[in-house]
Amino acid sequence: MDFIAPQNTDLLLAEASKEALYLKLIEQINKDFNLANEGIDFPMSTTPEELKIQLHEKIYRLIQYKFSEYLNLLYIVDVPEDQVKKLDGSDIHELSKQVAFLILKREWVKVWFRNRY
């Protein structure tokens, strides 16, 4: 089975749940945020909807108030720079939502491949 990245956050989280990898995704997100010294501690009981909202809020706050930490987080998570540069930064709310998706997508790739190989 080849890896095909989901097209949006809801599809990604549904796919993670379907593959029984949702908890691994939460673990990976917590791990990378802690590596970036941006402690986020999603409990394993976090629903996909809560994860989506809280991750978006966290990214929004980082962009607003802690920009260098935000850049460090993108580096730690390994979000491709060209994908971030393609985003429209004129609306910070929309930008943070799109970046949250890029982070989720990258974390999902890590979890998916670790599970497969």
N, C-alpha and C. Protein backbone atom coordinates (compact mmCIF):
# COMPACT_ATOMS: atom_id res chain seq x y z
N MET A 1 0.85 -1.19 0.00
CA MET A 1 0.00 0.00 0.00
C MET A 1 0.89 1.25 0.00
N ASP A 2 0.68 2.11 -0.95
CA ASP A 2 1.47 3.33 -1.05
C ASP A 2 0.87 4.41 -0.16
N PHE A 3 1.76 5.30 0.28
CA PHE A 3 1.30 6.40 1.12
C PHE A 3 0.69 7.49 0.26
N ILE A 4 -0.52 7.87 0.60
CA ILE A 4 -1.19 9.00 -0.06
C ILE A 4 -1.63 9.94 1.05
N ALA A 5 -1.09 11.15 1.02
CA ALA A 5 -1.42 12.12 2.07
C ALA A 5 -2.87 12.57 1.94
N PRO A 6 -3.60 12.56 3.05
CA PRO A 6 -4.98 13.09 3.03
C PRO A 6 -4.99 14.56 2.65
N GLN A 7 -6.12 15.01 2.11
CA GLN A 7 -6.20 16.37 1.56
C GLN A 7 -6.59 17.43 2.58
N ASN A 8 -7.09 17.02 3.74
CA ASN A 8 -7.40 18.02 4.76
C ASN A 8 -7.33 17.38 6.15
N THR A 9 -7.45 18.21 7.16
CA THR A 9 -7.27 17.76 8.54
C THR A 9 -8.29 16.68 8.92
N ASP A 10 -9.55 16.90 8.56
CA ASP A 10 -10.58 15.93 8.95
C ASP A 10 -10.33 14.56 8.32
N LEU A 11 -9.95 14.55 7.05
CA LEU A 11 -9.66 13.27 6.38
C LEU A 11 -8.44 12.61 7.00
N LEU A 12 -7.43 13.41 7.33
CA LEU A 12 -6.22 12.87 7.94
C LEU A 12 -6.54 12.21 9.29
N LEU A 13 -7.30 12.90 10.12
CA LEU A 13 -7.63 12.35 11.43
C LEU A 13 -8.54 11.13 11.31
N ALA A 14 -9.43 11.12 10.32
CA ALA A 14 -10.28 9.95 10.10
C ALA A 14 -9.44 8.76 9.67
N GLU A 15 -8.48 9.01 8.79
CA GLU A 15 -7.57 7.96 8.32
C GLU A 15 -6.74 7.40 9.48
N ALA A 16 -6.22 8.29 10.32
CA ALA A 16 -5.43 7.85 11.48
C ALA A 16 -6.28 6.98 12.41
N SER A 17 -7.52 7.38 12.62
CA SER A 17 -8.41 6.60 13.48
C SER A 17 -8.72 5.25 12.85
N LYS A 18 -9.00 5.27 11.56
CA LYS A 18 -9.34 4.04 10.84
C LYS A 18 -8.18 3.04 10.90
N GLU A 19 -6.97 3.53 10.80
CA GLU A 19 -5.80 2.66 10.82
C GLU A 19 -5.34 2.35 12.24
N ALA A 20 -6.11 2.80 13.23
CA ALA A 20 -5.78 2.60 14.64
C ALA A 20 -4.41 3.20 14.99
N LEU A 21 -4.11 4.32 14.36
CA LEU A 21 -2.84 5.00 14.61
C LEU A 21 -3.04 6.39 15.21
N TYR A 22 -4.26 6.70 15.55
CA TYR A 22 -4.55 8.03 16.09
C TYR A 22 -3.75 8.32 17.36
N LEU A 23 -3.68 7.35 18.27
CA LEU A 23 -2.93 7.56 19.52
C LEU A 23 -1.44 7.73 19.25
N LYS A 24 -0.93 7.01 18.25
CA LYS A 24 0.48 7.16 17.86
C LYS A 24 0.71 8.58 17.31
N LEU A 25 -0.27 9.09 16.58
CA LEU A 25 -0.18 10.45 16.04
C LEU A 25 -0.10 11.46 17.19
N ILE A 26 -0.94 11.29 18.20
CA ILE A 26 -0.90 12.18 19.37
C ILE A 26 0.47 12.10 20.05
N GLU A 27 0.97 10.87 20.22
CA GLU A 27 2.30 10.69 20.85
C GLU A 27 3.38 11.42 20.05
N GLN A 28 3.33 11.31 18.73
CA GLN A 28 4.34 11.94 17.87
C GLN A 28 4.26 13.46 17.97
N ILE A 29 3.05 13.99 17.96
CA ILE A 29 2.87 15.45 18.09
C ILE A 29 3.43 15.93 19.44
N ASN A 30 3.05 15.24 20.52
CA ASN A 30 3.55 15.61 21.85
C ASN A 30 5.07 15.56 21.88
N LYS A 31 5.64 14.51 21.30
CA LYS A 31 7.10 14.32 21.31
C LYS A 31 7.80 15.47 20.57
N ASP A 32 7.35 15.78 19.36
CA ASP A 32 8.02 16.82 18.57
C ASP A 32 7.84 18.21 19.17
N PHE A 33 6.67 18.50 19.72
CA PHE A 33 6.48 19.80 20.36
C PHE A 33 7.39 19.92 21.57
N ASN A 34 7.55 18.84 22.32
CA ASN A 34 8.45 18.88 23.48
C ASN A 34 9.90 19.03 23.04
N LEU A 35 10.29 18.39 21.96
CA LEU A 35 11.64 18.55 21.41
C LEU A 35 11.90 20.01 21.04
N ALA A 36 10.86 20.68 20.59
CA ALA A 36 10.98 22.09 20.19
C ALA A 36 10.80 23.03 21.39
N ASN A 37 10.74 22.46 22.58
CA ASN A 37 10.52 23.24 23.81
C ASN A 37 9.22 24.03 23.77
N GLU A 38 8.23 23.49 23.10
CA GLU A 38 6.90 24.10 23.08
C GLU A 38 5.93 23.08 23.64
N GLY A 39 6.14 22.72 24.90
CA GLY A 39 5.36 21.66 25.51
C GLY A 39 3.89 21.76 25.21
N ILE A 40 3.41 20.73 24.62
CA ILE A 40 1.97 20.60 24.38
C ILE A 40 1.72 19.19 24.84
N ASP A 41 0.72 18.97 25.60
CA ASP A 41 0.53 17.64 26.13
C ASP A 41 -0.91 17.21 25.89
N PHE A 42 -1.15 16.70 24.68
CA PHE A 42 -2.49 16.21 24.38
C PHE A 42 -2.70 14.90 25.10
N PRO A 43 -3.73 14.81 25.95
CA PRO A 43 -4.03 13.53 26.58
C PRO A 43 -4.47 12.52 25.51
N MET A 44 -4.28 11.25 25.81
CA MET A 44 -4.69 10.22 24.84
C MET A 44 -6.20 10.22 24.62
N SER A 45 -6.92 10.89 25.51
CA SER A 45 -8.39 10.94 25.38
C SER A 45 -8.84 12.09 24.48
N THR A 46 -7.89 12.87 23.95
CA THR A 46 -8.23 14.00 23.08
C THR A 46 -8.96 13.50 21.83
N THR A 47 -10.11 14.09 21.54
CA THR A 47 -10.84 13.69 20.33
C THR A 47 -10.19 14.34 19.11
N PRO A 48 -10.42 13.78 17.93
CA PRO A 48 -9.87 14.40 16.72
C PRO A 48 -10.29 15.87 16.57
N GLU A 49 -11.53 16.18 16.91
CA GLU A 49 -12.00 17.56 16.79
C GLU A 49 -11.26 18.48 17.77
N GLU A 50 -11.06 18.02 19.01
CA GLU A 50 -10.31 18.80 20.00
C GLU A 50 -8.87 18.99 19.55
N LEU A 51 -8.27 17.94 19.02
CA LEU A 51 -6.89 18.01 18.55
C LEU A 51 -6.76 19.08 17.46
N LYS A 52 -7.68 19.04 16.53
CA LYS A 52 -7.67 20.00 15.41
C LYS A 52 -7.76 21.43 15.94
N ILE A 53 -8.68 21.68 16.83
CA ILE A 53 -8.91 23.03 17.36
C ILE A 53 -7.72 23.49 18.21
N GLN A 54 -7.25 22.64 19.12
CA GLN A 54 -6.18 23.03 20.03
C GLN A 54 -4.85 23.21 19.30
N LEU A 55 -4.60 22.37 18.30
CA LEU A 55 -3.36 22.51 17.52
C LEU A 55 -3.39 23.83 16.75
N HIS A 56 -4.54 24.13 16.15
CA HIS A 56 -4.70 25.39 15.43
C HIS A 56 -4.45 26.58 16.36
N GLU A 57 -5.04 26.53 17.56
CA GLU A 57 -4.87 27.64 18.52
C GLU A 57 -3.40 27.79 18.93
N LYS A 58 -2.73 26.66 19.14
CA LYS A 58 -1.31 26.69 19.55
C LYS A 58 -0.46 27.34 18.45
N ILE A 59 -0.68 26.94 17.21
CA ILE A 59 0.08 27.50 16.09
C ILE A 59 -0.21 29.00 15.95
N TYR A 60 -1.48 29.35 16.09
CA TYR A 60 -1.88 30.75 16.00
C TYR A 60 -1.11 31.59 17.03
N ARG A 61 -1.07 31.11 18.29
CA ARG A 61 -0.37 31.84 19.35
C ARG A 61 1.13 31.91 19.07
N LEU A 62 1.71 30.84 18.55
CA LEU A 62 3.14 30.85 18.24
C LEU A 62 3.46 31.88 17.17
N ILE A 63 2.65 31.91 16.11
CA ILE A 63 2.89 32.88 15.03
C ILE A 63 2.75 34.30 15.57
N GLN A 64 1.74 34.53 16.41
CA GLN A 64 1.47 35.86 16.95
C GLN A 64 2.56 36.34 17.91
N TYR A 65 2.96 35.46 18.85
CA TYR A 65 3.74 35.93 19.99
C TYR A 65 5.15 35.34 20.09
N LYS A 66 5.39 34.21 19.44
CA LYS A 66 6.68 33.54 19.60
C LYS A 66 7.17 33.04 18.24
N PHE A 67 7.42 33.98 17.34
CA PHE A 67 7.70 33.60 15.95
C PHE A 67 8.95 32.73 15.80
N SER A 68 10.02 33.03 16.53
CA SER A 68 11.23 32.21 16.38
C SER A 68 10.99 30.78 16.88
N GLU A 69 10.18 30.64 17.94
CA GLU A 69 9.83 29.30 18.43
C GLU A 69 8.97 28.56 17.41
N TYR A 70 8.10 29.32 16.74
CA TYR A 70 7.27 28.74 15.67
C TYR A 70 8.16 28.19 14.55
N LEU A 71 9.16 28.97 14.14
CA LEU A 71 10.07 28.51 13.08
C LEU A 71 10.86 27.28 13.54
N ASN A 72 11.29 27.29 14.79
CA ASN A 72 12.00 26.14 15.34
C ASN A 72 11.11 24.89 15.33
N LEU A 73 9.85 25.06 15.69
CA LEU A 73 8.91 23.94 15.68
C LEU A 73 8.79 23.35 14.27
N LEU A 74 8.65 24.22 13.27
CA LEU A 74 8.54 23.73 11.88
C LEU A 74 9.79 22.94 11.50
N TYR A 75 10.94 23.39 11.97
CA TYR A 75 12.19 22.71 11.69
C TYR A 75 12.23 21.34 12.38
N ILE A 76 11.85 21.30 13.65
CA ILE A 76 11.86 20.04 14.42
C ILE A 76 10.89 19.03 13.80
N VAL A 77 9.70 19.50 13.46
CA VAL A 77 8.70 18.60 12.89
C VAL A 77 9.11 18.18 11.48
N ASP A 78 9.91 19.03 10.83
CA ASP A 78 10.39 18.78 9.47
C ASP A 78 9.31 19.06 8.42
N VAL A 79 8.61 20.17 8.61
CA VAL A 79 7.63 20.62 7.63
C VAL A 79 8.40 21.22 6.45
N PRO A 80 8.13 20.75 5.23
CA PRO A 80 8.87 21.28 4.07
C PRO A 80 8.70 22.80 3.92
N GLU A 81 9.84 23.49 3.85
CA GLU A 81 9.84 24.95 3.78
C GLU A 81 9.07 25.47 2.56
N ASP A 82 9.20 24.77 1.43
CA ASP A 82 8.51 25.24 0.21
C ASP A 82 7.00 25.21 0.38
N GLN A 83 6.48 24.25 1.16
CA GLN A 83 5.03 24.20 1.40
C GLN A 83 4.57 25.38 2.25
N VAL A 84 5.38 25.74 3.24
CA VAL A 84 5.03 26.88 4.09
C VAL A 84 5.08 28.17 3.29
N LYS A 85 6.09 28.30 2.42
CA LYS A 85 6.24 29.52 1.62
C LYS A 85 5.10 29.72 0.63
N LYS A 86 4.43 28.63 0.24
CA LYS A 86 3.31 28.72 -0.70
C LYS A 86 2.05 29.27 -0.05
N LEU A 87 2.00 29.28 1.27
CA LEU A 87 0.79 29.70 1.97
C LEU A 87 0.64 31.22 1.94
N ASP A 88 -0.60 31.67 1.97
CA ASP A 88 -0.90 33.10 1.99
C ASP A 88 -0.87 33.59 3.44
N GLY A 89 0.09 34.45 3.75
CA GLY A 89 0.24 34.92 5.12
C GLY A 89 -0.57 36.15 5.47
N SER A 90 -1.46 36.57 4.58
CA SER A 90 -2.19 37.82 4.83
C SER A 90 -3.24 37.68 5.94
N ASP A 91 -3.76 36.48 6.15
CA ASP A 91 -4.75 36.23 7.20
C ASP A 91 -4.14 35.24 8.18
N ILE A 92 -3.73 35.74 9.34
CA ILE A 92 -3.00 34.89 10.29
C ILE A 92 -3.86 33.72 10.79
N HIS A 93 -5.17 33.93 10.90
CA HIS A 93 -6.06 32.86 11.34
C HIS A 93 -6.05 31.72 10.33
N GLU A 94 -6.18 32.06 9.06
CA GLU A 94 -6.18 31.05 8.00
C GLU A 94 -4.80 30.42 7.86
N LEU A 95 -3.76 31.23 7.96
CA LEU A 95 -2.39 30.72 7.87
C LEU A 95 -2.13 29.68 8.96
N SER A 96 -2.53 30.00 10.19
CA SER A 96 -2.26 29.07 11.30
C SER A 96 -3.03 27.77 11.11
N LYS A 97 -4.22 27.84 10.52
CA LYS A 97 -4.99 26.63 10.24
C LYS A 97 -4.26 25.77 9.20
N GLN A 98 -3.73 26.41 8.17
CA GLN A 98 -3.02 25.67 7.11
C GLN A 98 -1.70 25.09 7.63
N VAL A 99 -1.00 25.83 8.47
CA VAL A 99 0.25 25.33 9.04
C VAL A 99 -0.04 24.16 9.97
N ALA A 100 -1.10 24.26 10.75
CA ALA A 100 -1.48 23.14 11.63
C ALA A 100 -1.71 21.88 10.79
N PHE A 101 -2.33 22.03 9.63
CA PHE A 101 -2.53 20.89 8.74
C PHE A 101 -1.20 20.35 8.22
N LEU A 102 -0.29 21.24 7.83
CA LEU A 102 1.02 20.79 7.36
C LEU A 102 1.77 20.01 8.45
N ILE A 103 1.66 20.49 9.68
CA ILE A 103 2.30 19.79 10.80
C ILE A 103 1.66 18.42 10.99
N LEU A 104 0.34 18.39 11.00
CA LEU A 104 -0.36 17.10 11.15
C LEU A 104 0.02 16.14 10.04
N LYS A 105 0.09 16.68 8.82
CA LYS A 105 0.41 15.84 7.67
C LYS A 105 1.81 15.24 7.82
N ARG A 106 2.77 16.06 8.24
CA ARG A 106 4.14 15.57 8.40
C ARG A 106 4.23 14.55 9.53
N GLU A 107 3.54 14.81 10.64
CA GLU A 107 3.52 13.86 11.75
C GLU A 107 2.87 12.54 11.32
N TRP A 108 1.83 12.64 10.51
CA TRP A 108 1.13 11.46 10.03
C TRP A 108 2.06 10.60 9.15
N VAL A 109 2.85 11.26 8.30
CA VAL A 109 3.80 10.51 7.46
C VAL A 109 4.75 9.71 8.35
N LYS A 110 5.27 10.35 9.40
CA LYS A 110 6.21 9.67 10.31
C LYS A 110 5.55 8.45 10.95
N VAL A 111 4.34 8.64 11.47
CA VAL A 111 3.64 7.55 12.16
C VAL A 111 3.30 6.43 11.18
N TRP A 112 2.80 6.81 10.02
CA TRP A 112 2.38 5.83 9.01
C TRP A 112 3.56 4.95 8.59
N PHE A 113 4.69 5.59 8.25
CA PHE A 113 5.86 4.82 7.80
C PHE A 113 6.44 3.96 8.92
N ARG A 114 6.47 4.49 10.13
CA ARG A 114 7.00 3.71 11.26
C ARG A 114 6.14 2.46 11.47
N ASN A 115 4.85 2.61 11.26
CA ASN A 115 3.94 1.48 11.42
C ASN A 115 4.10 0.45 10.29
N ARG A 116 4.41 0.92 9.09
CA ARG A 116 4.51 0.05 7.93
C ARG A 116 5.84 -0.70 7.84
N TYR A 117 6.93 -0.01 8.23
CA TYR A 117 8.26 -0.56 7.93
C TYR A 117 9.13 -0.76 9.13
